[in-house]
Amino acid sequence: MLASAYVKEARLRAGLTQAELARRAGTSQPTLARYERGAVVPSIATLERLLAACGLELSVRLVDIDPSYDENIDSFLKLSPEARLQSAVNMAEFTLELRRGTRA
């Protein structure tokens, strides 16, 4: 995920306008807008400050490589474009059901 997406998602999750987040984080609304558009990439320290102003933190960790991803990618690439699209739609619907709590 790009820094721009993190900033925007954090702001929206916190229910803040760009102006409100900018004020909380000690920056300007135009600068925040440039971060969200991806026109400017904030430093890690700035990104952490913006996320903290939303009550969130960025967590990064190292994990072992999982070779099963390669197998999943290979099998996915063998599907037709239509089948790949349908698979993506199915996964999105499944994710929404999980988020709504309508699927166990």
PDB file of N, CA and C in Angstrom:
ATOM      1  N   MET A   1       0.846  -1.171   0.000  1.00  0.00           N
ATOM      2  CA  MET A   1       0.000   0.000   0.000  1.00  0.00           C
ATOM      3  C   MET A   1       0.892   1.234   0.000  1.00  0.00           C
ATOM      4  N   LEU A   2       0.512   2.227  -0.748  1.00  0.00           N
ATOM      5  CA  LEU A   2       1.266   3.465  -0.835  1.00  0.00           C
ATOM      6  C   LEU A   2       0.959   4.376   0.342  1.00  0.00           C
ATOM      7  N   ALA A   3       1.912   5.248   0.660  1.00  0.00           N
ATOM      8  CA  ALA A   3       1.726   6.200   1.761  1.00  0.00           C
ATOM      9  C   ALA A   3       0.466   7.021   1.558  1.00  0.00           C
ATOM     10  N   SER A   4       0.171   7.398   0.320  1.00  0.00           N
ATOM     11  CA  SER A   4      -1.016   8.210   0.046  1.00  0.00           C
ATOM     12  C   SER A   4      -2.281   7.480   0.487  1.00  0.00           C
ATOM     13  N   ALA A   5      -2.337   6.190   0.235  1.00  0.00           N
ATOM     14  CA  ALA A   5      -3.511   5.401   0.624  1.00  0.00           C
ATOM     15  C   ALA A   5      -3.607   5.266   2.138  1.00  0.00           C
ATOM     16  N   TYR A   6      -2.466   5.103   2.807  1.00  0.00           N
ATOM     17  CA  TYR A   6      -2.473   5.033   4.270  1.00  0.00           C
ATOM     18  C   TYR A   6      -3.009   6.324   4.882  1.00  0.00           C
ATOM     19  N   VAL A   7      -2.539   7.449   4.369  1.00  0.00           N
ATOM     20  CA  VAL A   7      -2.963   8.744   4.914  1.00  0.00           C
ATOM     21  C   VAL A   7      -4.459   8.924   4.724  1.00  0.00           C
ATOM     22  N   LYS A   8      -4.939   8.673   3.527  1.00  0.00           N
ATOM     23  CA  LYS A   8      -6.366   8.871   3.258  1.00  0.00           C
ATOM     24  C   LYS A   8      -7.224   7.898   4.058  1.00  0.00           C
ATOM     25  N   GLU A   9      -6.832   6.635   4.094  1.00  0.00           N
ATOM     26  CA  GLU A   9      -7.617   5.653   4.850  1.00  0.00           C
ATOM     27  C   GLU A   9      -7.652   6.009   6.333  1.00  0.00           C
ATOM     28  N   ALA A  10      -6.520   6.413   6.882  1.00  0.00           N
ATOM     29  CA  ALA A  10      -6.471   6.784   8.298  1.00  0.00           C
ATOM     30  C   ALA A  10      -7.382   7.973   8.573  1.00  0.00           C
ATOM     31  N   ARG A  11      -7.336   8.967   7.701  1.00  0.00           N
ATOM     32  CA  ARG A  11      -8.175  10.160   7.880  1.00  0.00           C
ATOM     33  C   ARG A  11      -9.649   9.804   7.829  1.00  0.00           C
ATOM     34  N   LEU A  12     -10.028   8.985   6.864  1.00  0.00           N
ATOM     35  CA  LEU A  12     -11.427   8.603   6.727  1.00  0.00           C
ATOM     36  C   LEU A  12     -11.886   7.743   7.906  1.00  0.00           C
ATOM     37  N   ARG A  13     -11.035   6.818   8.332  1.00  0.00           N
ATOM     38  CA  ARG A  13     -11.384   5.979   9.492  1.00  0.00           C
ATOM     39  C   ARG A  13     -11.570   6.821  10.747  1.00  0.00           C
ATOM     40  N   ALA A  14     -10.803   7.914  10.856  1.00  0.00           N
ATOM     41  CA  ALA A  14     -10.916   8.793  12.018  1.00  0.00           C
ATOM     42  C   ALA A  14     -12.070   9.776  11.866  1.00  0.00           C
ATOM     43  N   GLY A  15     -12.688   9.815  10.682  1.00  0.00           N
ATOM     44  CA  GLY A  15     -13.802  10.731  10.449  1.00  0.00           C
ATOM     45  C   GLY A  15     -13.382  12.186  10.397  1.00  0.00           C
ATOM     46  N   LEU A  16     -12.193  12.439   9.880  1.00  0.00           N
ATOM     47  CA  LEU A  16     -11.657  13.795   9.837  1.00  0.00           C
ATOM     48  C   LEU A  16     -11.659  14.355   8.426  1.00  0.00           C
ATOM     49  N   THR A  17     -11.784  15.662   8.323  1.00  0.00           N
ATOM     50  CA  THR A  17     -11.569  16.334   7.043  1.00  0.00           C
ATOM     51  C   THR A  17     -10.067  16.527   6.876  1.00  0.00           C
ATOM     52  N   GLN A  18      -9.662  16.881   5.675  1.00  0.00           N
ATOM     53  CA  GLN A  18      -8.246  17.164   5.465  1.00  0.00           C
ATOM     54  C   GLN A  18      -7.793  18.312   6.367  1.00  0.00           C
ATOM     55  N   ALA A  19      -8.618  19.329   6.495  1.00  0.00           N
ATOM     56  CA  ALA A  19      -8.251  20.481   7.328  1.00  0.00           C
ATOM     57  C   ALA A  19      -8.086  20.077   8.792  1.00  0.00           C
ATOM     58  N   GLU A  20      -8.987  19.221   9.272  1.00  0.00           N
ATOM     59  CA  GLU A  20      -8.900  18.782  10.669  1.00  0.00           C
ATOM     60  C   GLU A  20      -7.630  17.968  10.922  1.00  0.00           C
ATOM     61  N   LEU A  21      -7.335  17.046  10.010  1.00  0.00           N
ATOM     62  CA  LEU A  21      -6.129  16.237  10.182  1.00  0.00           C
ATOM     63  C   LEU A  21      -4.885  17.114  10.069  1.00  0.00           C
ATOM     64  N   ALA A  22      -4.872  18.020   9.135  1.00  0.00           N
ATOM     65  CA  ALA A  22      -3.721  18.910   8.977  1.00  0.00           C
ATOM     66  C   ALA A  22      -3.474  19.700  10.265  1.00  0.00           C
ATOM     67  N   ARG A  23      -4.534  20.221  10.854  1.00  0.00           N
ATOM     68  CA  ARG A  23      -4.394  20.988  12.097  1.00  0.00           C
ATOM     69  C   ARG A  23      -3.845  20.104  13.203  1.00  0.00           C
ATOM     70  N   ARG A  24      -4.404  18.900  13.352  1.00  0.00           N
ATOM     71  CA  ARG A  24      -3.943  17.979  14.401  1.00  0.00           C
ATOM     72  C   ARG A  24      -2.479  17.583  14.218  1.00  0.00           C
ATOM     73  N   ALA A  25      -2.067  17.418  12.965  1.00  0.00           N
ATOM     74  CA  ALA A  25      -0.715  16.933  12.679  1.00  0.00           C
ATOM     75  C   ALA A  25       0.296  18.057  12.514  1.00  0.00           C
ATOM     76  N   GLY A  26      -0.165  19.302  12.558  1.00  0.00           N
ATOM     77  CA  GLY A  26       0.756  20.420  12.439  1.00  0.00           C
ATOM     78  C   GLY A  26       1.278  20.645  11.033  1.00  0.00           C
ATOM     79  N   THR A  27       0.406  20.448  10.067  1.00  0.00           N
ATOM     80  CA  THR A  27       0.776  20.705   8.678  1.00  0.00           C
ATOM     81  C   THR A  27      -0.344  21.496   8.029  1.00  0.00           C
ATOM     82  N   SER A  28      -0.244  21.767   6.752  1.00  0.00           N
ATOM     83  CA  SER A  28      -1.294  22.528   6.068  1.00  0.00           C
ATOM     84  C   SER A  28      -2.212  21.581   5.292  1.00  0.00           C
ATOM     85  N   GLN A  29      -3.419  22.040   5.030  1.00  0.00           N
ATOM     86  CA  GLN A  29      -4.369  21.227   4.264  1.00  0.00           C
ATOM     87  C   GLN A  29      -3.864  20.988   2.840  1.00  0.00           C
ATOM     88  N   PRO A  30      -3.291  22.002   2.156  1.00  0.00           N
ATOM     89  CA  PRO A  30      -2.772  21.718   0.809  1.00  0.00           C
ATOM     90  C   PRO A  30      -1.662  20.653   0.808  1.00  0.00           C
ATOM     91  N   THR A  31      -0.807  20.673   1.829  1.00  0.00           N
ATOM     92  CA  THR A  31       0.244  19.652   1.912  1.00  0.00           C
ATOM     93  C   THR A  31      -0.377  18.281   2.122  1.00  0.00           C
ATOM     94  N   LEU A  32      -1.370  18.205   2.995  1.00  0.00           N
ATOM     95  CA  LEU A  32      -2.050  16.932   3.235  1.00  0.00           C
ATOM     96  C   LEU A  32      -2.711  16.432   1.950  1.00  0.00           C
ATOM     97  N   ALA A  33      -3.326  17.332   1.208  1.00  0.00           N
ATOM     98  CA  ALA A  33      -3.958  16.944  -0.056  1.00  0.00           C
ATOM     99  C   ALA A  33      -2.921  16.373  -1.024  1.00  0.00           C
ATOM    100  N   ARG A  34      -1.733  16.975  -1.069  1.00  0.00           N
ATOM    101  CA  ARG A  34      -0.671  16.451  -1.943  1.00  0.00           C
ATOM    102  C   ARG A  34      -0.225  15.064  -1.495  1.00  0.00           C
ATOM    103  N   TYR A  35      -0.179  14.829  -0.176  1.00  0.00           N
ATOM    104  CA  TYR A  35       0.149  13.488   0.322  1.00  0.00           C
ATOM    105  C   TYR A  35      -0.902  12.484  -0.138  1.00  0.00           C
ATOM    106  N   GLU A  36      -2.175  12.841   0.019  1.00  0.00           N
ATOM    107  CA  GLU A  36      -3.260  11.916  -0.343  1.00  0.00           C
ATOM    108  C   GLU A  36      -3.303  11.633  -1.836  1.00  0.00           C
ATOM    109  N   ARG A  37      -2.956  12.614  -2.650  1.00  0.00           N
ATOM    110  CA  ARG A  37      -2.937  12.409  -4.104  1.00  0.00           C
ATOM    111  C   ARG A  37      -1.708  11.630  -4.560  1.00  0.00           C
ATOM    112  N   GLY A  38      -0.709  11.551  -3.680  1.00  0.00           N
ATOM    113  CA  GLY A  38       0.526  10.883  -4.069  1.00  0.00           C
ATOM    114  C   GLY A  38       1.462  11.792  -4.833  1.00  0.00           C
ATOM    115  N   ALA A  39       1.158  13.092  -4.866  1.00  0.00           N
ATOM    116  CA  ALA A  39       2.025  14.049  -5.548  1.00  0.00           C
ATOM    117  C   ALA A  39       3.321  14.249  -4.773  1.00  0.00           C
ATOM    118  N   VAL A  40       3.241  14.087  -3.455  1.00  0.00           N
ATOM    119  CA  VAL A  40       4.398  14.191  -2.567  1.00  0.00           C
ATOM    120  C   VAL A  40       4.358  12.991  -1.634  1.00  0.00           C
ATOM    121  N   VAL A  41       5.500  12.374  -1.402  1.00  0.00           N
ATOM    122  CA  VAL A  41       5.570  11.228  -0.495  1.00  0.00           C
ATOM    123  C   VAL A  41       6.116  11.714   0.845  1.00  0.00           C
ATOM    124  N   PRO A  42       5.331  11.532   1.919  1.00  0.00           N
ATOM    125  CA  PRO A  42       5.811  11.977   3.227  1.00  0.00           C
ATOM    126  C   PRO A  42       6.943  11.083   3.726  1.00  0.00           C
ATOM    127  N   SER A  43       7.799  11.658   4.574  1.00  0.00           N
ATOM    128  CA  SER A  43       8.831  10.841   5.212  1.00  0.00           C
ATOM    129  C   SER A  43       8.127   9.855   6.152  1.00  0.00           C
ATOM    130  N   ILE A  44       8.855   8.855   6.599  1.00  0.00           N
ATOM    131  CA  ILE A  44       8.278   7.896   7.556  1.00  0.00           C
ATOM    132  C   ILE A  44       7.852   8.625   8.821  1.00  0.00           C
ATOM    133  N   ALA A  45       8.671   9.563   9.293  1.00  0.00           N
ATOM    134  CA  ALA A  45       8.335  10.307  10.511  1.00  0.00           C
ATOM    135  C   ALA A  45       7.047  11.102  10.316  1.00  0.00           C
ATOM    136  N   THR A  46       6.886  11.727   9.161  1.00  0.00           N
ATOM    137  CA  THR A  46       5.665  12.490   8.886  1.00  0.00           C
ATOM    138  C   THR A  46       4.474  11.562   8.768  1.00  0.00           C
ATOM    139  N   LEU A  47       4.642  10.430   8.092  1.00  0.00           N
ATOM    140  CA  LEU A  47       3.563   9.460   7.974  1.00  0.00           C
ATOM    141  C   LEU A  47       3.127   8.979   9.351  1.00  0.00           C
ATOM    142  N   GLU A  48       4.079   8.667  10.207  1.00  0.00           N
ATOM    143  CA  GLU A  48       3.741   8.233  11.560  1.00  0.00           C
ATOM    144  C   GLU A  48       2.988   9.325  12.321  1.00  0.00           C
ATOM    145  N   ARG A  49       3.406  10.589  12.150  1.00  0.00           N
ATOM    146  CA  ARG A  49       2.737  11.705  12.822  1.00  0.00           C
ATOM    147  C   ARG A  49       1.294  11.854  12.329  1.00  0.00           C
ATOM    148  N   LEU A  50       1.091  11.731  11.020  1.00  0.00           N
ATOM    149  CA  LEU A  50      -0.254  11.842  10.455  1.00  0.00           C
ATOM    150  C   LEU A  50      -1.154  10.717  10.962  1.00  0.00           C
ATOM    151  N   LEU A  51      -0.624   9.503  10.971  1.00  0.00           N
ATOM    152  CA  LEU A  51      -1.414   8.367  11.436  1.00  0.00           C
ATOM    153  C   LEU A  51      -1.720   8.482  12.928  1.00  0.00           C
ATOM    154  N   ALA A  52      -0.753   8.945  13.708  1.00  0.00           N
ATOM    155  CA  ALA A  52      -0.966   9.119  15.148  1.00  0.00           C
ATOM    156  C   ALA A  52      -2.052  10.157  15.404  1.00  0.00           C
ATOM    157  N   ALA A  53      -2.116  11.181  14.573  1.00  0.00           N
ATOM    158  CA  ALA A  53      -3.150  12.209  14.720  1.00  0.00           C
ATOM    159  C   ALA A  53      -4.538  11.636  14.452  1.00  0.00           C
ATOM    160  N   CYS A  54      -4.583  10.471  13.802  1.00  0.00           N
ATOM    161  CA  CYS A  54      -5.841   9.768  13.540  1.00  0.00           C
ATOM    162  C   CYS A  54      -6.076   8.663  14.566  1.00  0.00           C
ATOM    163  N   GLY A  55      -5.175   8.536  15.523  1.00  0.00           N
ATOM    164  CA  GLY A  55      -5.312   7.488  16.527  1.00  0.00           C
ATOM    165  C   GLY A  55      -4.851   6.125  16.041  1.00  0.00           C
ATOM    166  N   LEU A  56      -3.993   6.115  15.030  1.00  0.00           N
ATOM    167  CA  LEU A  56      -3.508   4.867  14.445  1.00  0.00           C
ATOM    168  C   LEU A  56      -1.985   4.874  14.422  1.00  0.00           C
ATOM    169  N   GLU A  57      -1.411   3.695  14.215  1.00  0.00           N
ATOM    170  CA  GLU A  57       0.029   3.602  14.030  1.00  0.00           C
ATOM    171  C   GLU A  57       0.327   2.633  12.907  1.00  0.00           C
ATOM    172  N   LEU A  58       1.466   2.836  12.288  1.00  0.00           N
ATOM    173  CA  LEU A  58       1.907   1.955  11.218  1.00  0.00           C
ATOM    174  C   LEU A  58       2.758   0.859  11.834  1.00  0.00           C
ATOM    175  N   SER A  59       2.438  -0.376  11.517  1.00  0.00           N
ATOM    176  CA  SER A  59       3.173  -1.511  12.049  1.00  0.00           C
ATOM    177  C   SER A  59       3.829  -2.242  10.892  1.00  0.00           C
ATOM    178  N   VAL A  60       5.137  -2.366  10.950  1.00  0.00           N
ATOM    179  CA  VAL A  60       5.890  -3.064   9.913  1.00  0.00           C
ATOM    180  C   VAL A  60       6.644  -4.199  10.578  1.00  0.00           C
ATOM    181  N   ARG A  61       6.617  -5.364   9.974  1.00  0.00           N
ATOM    182  CA  ARG A  61       7.340  -6.493  10.545  1.00  0.00           C
ATOM    183  C   ARG A  61       7.895  -7.357   9.429  1.00  0.00           C
ATOM    184  N   LEU A  62       8.918  -8.096   9.746  1.00  0.00           N
ATOM    185  CA  LEU A  62       9.520  -9.022   8.794  1.00  0.00           C
ATOM    186  C   LEU A  62       8.949 -10.413   9.034  1.00  0.00           C
ATOM    187  N   VAL A  63       8.621 -11.091   7.955  1.00  0.00           N
ATOM    188  CA  VAL A  63       8.104 -12.451   8.058  1.00  0.00           C
ATOM    189  C   VAL A  63       8.860 -13.329   7.066  1.00  0.00           C
ATOM    190  N   ASP A  64       8.860 -14.617   7.336  1.00  0.00           N
ATOM    191  CA  ASP A  64       9.496 -15.557   6.421  1.00  0.00           C
ATOM    192  C   ASP A  64       8.731 -15.593   5.102  1.00  0.00           C
ATOM    193  N   ILE A  65       9.454 -15.825   4.043  1.00  0.00           N
ATOM    194  CA  ILE A  65       8.830 -15.957   2.729  1.00  0.00           C
ATOM    195  C   ILE A  65       7.950 -17.196   2.724  1.00  0.00           C
ATOM    196  N   ASP A  66       6.750 -17.054   2.168  1.00  0.00           N
ATOM    197  CA  ASP A  66       5.823 -18.179   2.065  1.00  0.00           C
ATOM    198  C   ASP A  66       5.743 -18.585   0.600  1.00  0.00           C
ATOM    199  N   PRO A  67       6.397 -19.679   0.221  1.00  0.00           N
ATOM    200  CA  PRO A  67       6.407 -20.085  -1.181  1.00  0.00           C
ATOM    201  C   PRO A  67       5.041 -20.492  -1.720  1.00  0.00           C
ATOM    202  N   SER A  68       4.055 -20.695  -0.839  1.00  0.00           N
ATOM    203  CA  SER A  68       2.729 -21.062  -1.331  1.00  0.00           C
ATOM    204  C   SER A  68       2.114 -19.921  -2.140  1.00  0.00           C
ATOM    205  N   TYR A  69       2.580 -18.693  -1.895  1.00  0.00           N
ATOM    206  CA  TYR A  69       2.083 -17.571  -2.693  1.00  0.00           C
ATOM    207  C   TYR A  69       2.406 -17.777  -4.163  1.00  0.00           C
ATOM    208  N   ASP A  70       3.605 -18.298  -4.442  1.00  0.00           N
ATOM    209  CA  ASP A  70       3.996 -18.537  -5.830  1.00  0.00           C
ATOM    210  C   ASP A  70       3.046 -19.516  -6.501  1.00  0.00           C
ATOM    211  N   GLU A  71       2.680 -20.571  -5.778  1.00  0.00           N
ATOM    212  CA  GLU A  71       1.753 -21.558  -6.331  1.00  0.00           C
ATOM    213  C   GLU A  71       0.386 -20.925  -6.586  1.00  0.00           C
ATOM    214  N   ASN A  72      -0.061 -20.085  -5.638  1.00  0.00           N
ATOM    215  CA  ASN A  72      -1.352 -19.422  -5.805  1.00  0.00           C
ATOM    216  C   ASN A  72      -1.332 -18.479  -7.006  1.00  0.00           C
ATOM    217  N   ILE A  73      -0.250 -17.757  -7.161  1.00  0.00           N
ATOM    218  CA  ILE A  73      -0.134 -16.825  -8.287  1.00  0.00           C
ATOM    219  C   ILE A  73      -0.123 -17.590  -9.596  1.00  0.00           C
ATOM    220  N   ASP A  74       0.665 -18.665  -9.648  1.00  0.00           N
ATOM    221  CA  ASP A  74       0.731 -19.459 -10.874  1.00  0.00           C
ATOM    222  C   ASP A  74      -0.639 -20.004 -11.267  1.00  0.00           C
ATOM    223  N   SER A  75      -1.378 -20.536 -10.296  1.00  0.00           N
ATOM    224  CA  SER A  75      -2.693 -21.091 -10.620  1.00  0.00           C
ATOM    225  C   SER A  75      -3.659 -19.974 -11.018  1.00  0.00           C
ATOM    226  N   PHE A  76      -3.540 -18.816 -10.395  1.00  0.00           N
ATOM    227  CA  PHE A  76      -4.410 -17.688 -10.734  1.00  0.00           C
ATOM    228  C   PHE A  76      -4.141 -17.211 -12.161  1.00  0.00           C
ATOM    229  N   LEU A  77      -2.860 -17.190 -12.551  1.00  0.00           N
ATOM    230  CA  LEU A  77      -2.502 -16.725 -13.894  1.00  0.00           C
ATOM    231  C   LEU A  77      -2.940 -17.695 -14.986  1.00  0.00           C
ATOM    232  N   LYS A  78      -3.224 -18.929 -14.622  1.00  0.00           N
ATOM    233  CA  LYS A  78      -3.710 -19.904 -15.604  1.00  0.00           C
ATOM    234  C   LYS A  78      -5.185 -19.688 -15.936  1.00  0.00           C
ATOM    235  N   LEU A  79      -5.882 -18.907 -15.112  1.00  0.00           N
ATOM    236  CA  LEU A  79      -7.301 -18.628 -15.351  1.00  0.00           C
ATOM    237  C   LEU A  79      -7.459 -17.633 -16.490  1.00  0.00           C
ATOM    238  N   SER A  80      -8.621 -17.657 -17.112  1.00  0.00           N
ATOM    239  CA  SER A  80      -8.925 -16.673 -18.148  1.00  0.00           C
ATOM    240  C   SER A  80      -9.122 -15.310 -17.467  1.00  0.00           C
ATOM    241  N   PRO A  81      -9.024 -14.221 -18.214  1.00  0.00           N
ATOM    242  CA  PRO A  81      -9.268 -12.904 -17.614  1.00  0.00           C
ATOM    243  C   PRO A  81     -10.647 -12.812 -16.959  1.00  0.00           C
ATOM    244  N   GLU A  82     -11.646 -13.419 -17.585  1.00  0.00           N
ATOM    245  CA  GLU A  82     -12.992 -13.391 -17.016  1.00  0.00           C
ATOM    246  C   GLU A  82     -13.042 -14.131 -15.688  1.00  0.00           C
ATOM    247  N   ALA A  83     -12.379 -15.284 -15.623  1.00  0.00           N
ATOM    248  CA  ALA A  83     -12.355 -16.071 -14.388  1.00  0.00           C
ATOM    249  C   ALA A  83     -11.586 -15.340 -13.295  1.00  0.00           C
ATOM    250  N   ARG A  84     -10.502 -14.643 -13.664  1.00  0.00           N
ATOM    251  CA  ARG A  84      -9.753 -13.852 -12.677  1.00  0.00           C
ATOM    252  C   ARG A  84     -10.612 -12.732 -12.120  1.00  0.00           C
ATOM    253  N   LEU A  85     -11.351 -12.073 -13.007  1.00  0.00           N
ATOM    254  CA  LEU A  85     -12.231 -10.999 -12.564  1.00  0.00           C
ATOM    255  C   LEU A  85     -13.312 -11.536 -11.638  1.00  0.00           C
ATOM    256  N   GLN A  86     -13.912 -12.648 -11.988  1.00  0.00           N
ATOM    257  CA  GLN A  86     -14.942 -13.237 -11.141  1.00  0.00           C
ATOM    258  C   GLN A  86     -14.380 -13.639  -9.784  1.00  0.00           C
ATOM    259  N   SER A  87     -13.169 -14.163  -9.780  1.00  0.00           N
ATOM    260  CA  SER A  87     -12.519 -14.531  -8.524  1.00  0.00           C
ATOM    261  C   SER A  87     -12.312 -13.290  -7.646  1.00  0.00           C
ATOM    262  N   ALA A  88     -11.897 -12.191  -8.250  1.00  0.00           N
ATOM    263  CA  ALA A  88     -11.698 -10.946  -7.505  1.00  0.00           C
ATOM    264  C   ALA A  88     -13.018 -10.427  -6.950  1.00  0.00           C
ATOM    265  N   VAL A  89     -14.068 -10.497  -7.730  1.00  0.00           N
ATOM    266  CA  VAL A  89     -15.395 -10.076  -7.276  1.00  0.00           C
ATOM    267  C   VAL A  89     -15.848 -10.940  -6.106  1.00  0.00           C
ATOM    268  N   ASN A  90     -15.668 -12.244  -6.227  1.00  0.00           N
ATOM    269  CA  ASN A  90     -16.052 -13.160  -5.148  1.00  0.00           C
ATOM    270  C   ASN A  90     -15.292 -12.850  -3.861  1.00  0.00           C
ATOM    271  N   MET A  91     -14.001 -12.579  -3.971  1.00  0.00           N
ATOM    272  CA  MET A  91     -13.197 -12.274  -2.792  1.00  0.00           C
ATOM    273  C   MET A  91     -13.636 -10.947  -2.171  1.00  0.00           C
ATOM    274  N   ALA A  92     -13.948  -9.969  -2.995  1.00  0.00           N
ATOM    275  CA  ALA A  92     -14.408  -8.678  -2.473  1.00  0.00           C
ATOM    276  C   ALA A  92     -15.736  -8.842  -1.734  1.00  0.00           C
ATOM    277  N   GLU A  93     -16.641  -9.606  -2.309  1.00  0.00           N
ATOM    278  CA  GLU A  93     -17.930  -9.845  -1.652  1.00  0.00           C
ATOM    279  C   GLU A  93     -17.739 -10.591  -0.339  1.00  0.00           C
ATOM    280  N   PHE A  94     -16.858 -11.570  -0.329  1.00  0.00           N
ATOM    281  CA  PHE A  94     -16.562 -12.332   0.883  1.00  0.00           C
ATOM    282  C   PHE A  94     -15.990 -11.408   1.965  1.00  0.00           C
ATOM    283  N   THR A  95     -15.063 -10.548   1.578  1.00  0.00           N
ATOM    284  CA  THR A  95     -14.455  -9.603   2.522  1.00  0.00           C
ATOM    285  C   THR A  95     -15.502  -8.663   3.098  1.00  0.00           C
ATOM    286  N   LEU A  96     -16.395  -8.153   2.269  1.00  0.00           N
ATOM    287  CA  LEU A  96     -17.457  -7.271   2.758  1.00  0.00           C
ATOM    288  C   LEU A  96     -18.369  -7.990   3.745  1.00  0.00           C
ATOM    289  N   GLU A  97     -18.684  -9.244   3.446  1.00  0.00           N
ATOM    290  CA  GLU A  97     -19.524 -10.027   4.364  1.00  0.00           C
ATOM    291  C   GLU A  97     -18.831 -10.205   5.707  1.00  0.00           C
ATOM    292  N   LEU A  98     -17.537 -10.459   5.686  1.00  0.00           N
ATOM    293  CA  LEU A  98     -16.783 -10.608   6.938  1.00  0.00           C
ATOM    294  C   LEU A  98     -16.790  -9.303   7.723  1.00  0.00           C
ATOM    295  N   ARG A  99     -16.595  -8.192   7.035  1.00  0.00           N
ATOM    296  CA  ARG A  99     -16.558  -6.888   7.710  1.00  0.00           C
ATOM    297  C   ARG A  99     -17.924  -6.532   8.308  1.00  0.00           C
ATOM    298  N   ARG A 100     -18.985  -6.932   7.618  1.00  0.00           N
ATOM    299  CA  ARG A 100     -20.335  -6.645   8.139  1.00  0.00           C
ATOM    300  C   ARG A 100     -20.759  -7.614   9.219  1.00  0.00           C
ATOM    301  N   GLY A 101     -19.997  -8.705   9.352  1.00  0.00           N
ATOM    302  CA  GLY A 101     -20.350  -9.726  10.338  1.00  0.00           C
ATOM    303  C   GLY A 101     -21.465 -10.629   9.884  1.00  0.00           C
ATOM    304  N   THR A 102     -21.739 -10.658   8.576  1.00  0.00           N
ATOM    305  CA  THR A 102     -22.808 -11.507   8.058  1.00  0.00           C
ATOM    306  C   THR A 102     -22.303 -12.871   7.629  1.00  0.00           C
ATOM    307  N   ARG A 103     -21.006 -13.096   7.797  1.00  0.00           N
ATOM    308  CA  ARG A 103     -20.425 -14.397   7.458  1.00  0.00           C
ATOM    309  C   ARG A 103     -19.497 -14.820   8.584  1.00  0.00           C
ATOM    310  N   ALA A 104     -19.612 -16.053   8.953  1.00  0.00           N
ATOM    311  CA  ALA A 104     -18.769 -16.544  10.071  1.00  0.00           C
ATOM    312  C   ALA A 104     -17.581 -17.297   9.545  1.00  0.00           C
TER     313      ALA A 104
END
